[in-house]
Amino acid sequence: MEVTINNKKIEVPEDITISELLKYLNLRKKSAVWINEKQLLLKEYDTYKLSENENVKILNIIGGG
């Protein structure tokens, strides 16, 4: 299935959750995720399943100091 992630069209497996997507993309689970301009809560990552043509924005949070 095709979705847009950070403005790039990408093929991902059907019925993939956000947690699975982050693992699939080798990103940290604590990344901030928006679906169609709505930010998801971390507790939704295991249950929200992507649909065809959804627009996903992922920000990888980096700590500093």
C-alpha atoms as a PDB file:
ATOM      1  CA  MET A   1       0.000   0.000   0.000  1.00  0.00           C
ATOM      2  CA  GLU A   2       1.240   3.501  -0.732  1.00  0.00           C
ATOM      3  CA  VAL A   3       1.414   6.311   1.830  1.00  0.00           C
ATOM      4  CA  THR A   4       3.215   9.652   1.870  1.00  0.00           C
ATOM      5  CA  ILE A   5       5.821   9.978   4.604  1.00  0.00           C
ATOM      6  CA  ASN A   6       7.507  13.366   5.010  1.00  0.00           C
ATOM      7  CA  ASN A   7       6.479  14.295   1.442  1.00  0.00           C
ATOM      8  CA  LYS A   8       7.796  11.052  -0.121  1.00  0.00           C
ATOM      9  CA  LYS A   9       5.539   8.320  -1.469  1.00  0.00           C
ATOM     10  CA  ILE A  10       6.518   5.001   0.099  1.00  0.00           C
ATOM     11  CA  GLU A  11       5.198   1.438  -0.193  1.00  0.00           C
ATOM     12  CA  VAL A  12       4.427  -0.128   3.183  1.00  0.00           C
ATOM     13  CA  PRO A  13       2.752  -3.401   4.203  1.00  0.00           C
ATOM     14  CA  GLU A  14      -1.062  -3.481   4.491  1.00  0.00           C
ATOM     15  CA  ASP A  15      -2.581  -2.942   7.968  1.00  0.00           C
ATOM     16  CA  ILE A  16       0.669  -1.590   9.415  1.00  0.00           C
ATOM     17  CA  THR A  17       0.417   0.210  12.756  1.00  0.00           C
ATOM     18  CA  ILE A  18       2.430   3.314  13.580  1.00  0.00           C
ATOM     19  CA  SER A  19       4.667   1.305  15.939  1.00  0.00           C
ATOM     20  CA  GLU A  20       5.320  -1.206  13.158  1.00  0.00           C
ATOM     21  CA  LEU A  21       5.924   1.618  10.672  1.00  0.00           C
ATOM     22  CA  LEU A  22       8.545   3.226  12.905  1.00  0.00           C
ATOM     23  CA  LYS A  23      10.298  -0.135  13.290  1.00  0.00           C
ATOM     24  CA  TYR A  24       9.998  -0.736   9.508  1.00  0.00           C
ATOM     25  CA  LEU A  25      11.691   2.640   8.895  1.00  0.00           C
ATOM     26  CA  ASN A  26      14.318   2.033  11.632  1.00  0.00           C
ATOM     27  CA  LEU A  27      13.094   5.024  13.658  1.00  0.00           C
ATOM     28  CA  ARG A  28      12.671   5.397  17.411  1.00  0.00           C
ATOM     29  CA  LYS A  29       9.238   4.691  18.881  1.00  0.00           C
ATOM     30  CA  LYS A  30       9.355   8.058  20.667  1.00  0.00           C
ATOM     31  CA  SER A  31       9.210   9.906  17.328  1.00  0.00           C
ATOM     32  CA  ALA A  32       6.382  12.438  16.968  1.00  0.00           C
ATOM     33  CA  VAL A  33       3.833  11.364  14.333  1.00  0.00           C
ATOM     34  CA  TRP A  34       1.084  13.256  12.521  1.00  0.00           C
ATOM     35  CA  ILE A  35      -1.496  11.569  10.288  1.00  0.00           C
ATOM     36  CA  ASN A  36      -3.287  13.901   7.875  1.00  0.00           C
ATOM     37  CA  GLU A  37      -2.137  16.877  10.006  1.00  0.00           C
ATOM     38  CA  LYS A  38      -3.446  15.401  13.307  1.00  0.00           C
ATOM     39  CA  GLN A  39      -0.805  14.492  15.882  1.00  0.00           C
ATOM     40  CA  LEU A  40      -1.177  11.031  17.368  1.00  0.00           C
ATOM     41  CA  LEU A  41      -0.621  10.256  21.018  1.00  0.00           C
ATOM     42  CA  LEU A  42       2.119   7.761  21.851  1.00  0.00           C
ATOM     43  CA  LYS A  43      -0.529   5.396  23.268  1.00  0.00           C
ATOM     44  CA  GLU A  44      -2.216   5.285  19.819  1.00  0.00           C
ATOM     45  CA  TYR A  45       0.901   4.020  18.005  1.00  0.00           C
ATOM     46  CA  ASP A  46       0.120   0.348  18.694  1.00  0.00           C
ATOM     47  CA  THR A  47      -3.505   0.531  17.532  1.00  0.00           C
ATOM     48  CA  TYR A  48      -3.698   3.084  14.683  1.00  0.00           C
ATOM     49  CA  LYS A  49      -3.476   1.307  11.326  1.00  0.00           C
ATOM     50  CA  LEU A  50      -2.498   3.258   8.243  1.00  0.00           C
ATOM     51  CA  SER A  51      -4.794   3.419   5.240  1.00  0.00           C
ATOM     52  CA  GLU A  52      -3.925   3.802   1.566  1.00  0.00           C
ATOM     53  CA  ASN A  53      -2.797   7.329   0.567  1.00  0.00           C
ATOM     54  CA  GLU A  54      -2.573   8.736   4.092  1.00  0.00           C
ATOM     55  CA  ASN A  55      -0.191  11.616   4.679  1.00  0.00           C
ATOM     56  CA  VAL A  56       2.277  10.890   7.489  1.00  0.00           C
ATOM     57  CA  LYS A  57       4.732  13.330   9.045  1.00  0.00           C
ATOM     58  CA  ILE A  58       7.401  11.929  11.367  1.00  0.00           C
ATOM     59  CA  LEU A  59       9.758  13.991  13.496  1.00  0.00           C
ATOM     60  CA  ASN A  60      12.565  12.166  15.241  1.00  0.00           C
ATOM     61  CA  ILE A  61      13.088  13.891  18.598  1.00  0.00           C
ATOM     62  CA  ILE A  62      16.739  14.401  19.512  1.00  0.00           C
ATOM     63  CA  GLY A  63      17.739  15.416  23.029  1.00  0.00           C
ATOM     64  CA  GLY A  64      20.527  17.799  23.687  1.00  0.00           C
ATOM     65  CA  GLY A  65      22.140  19.728  26.378  1.00  0.00           C
END
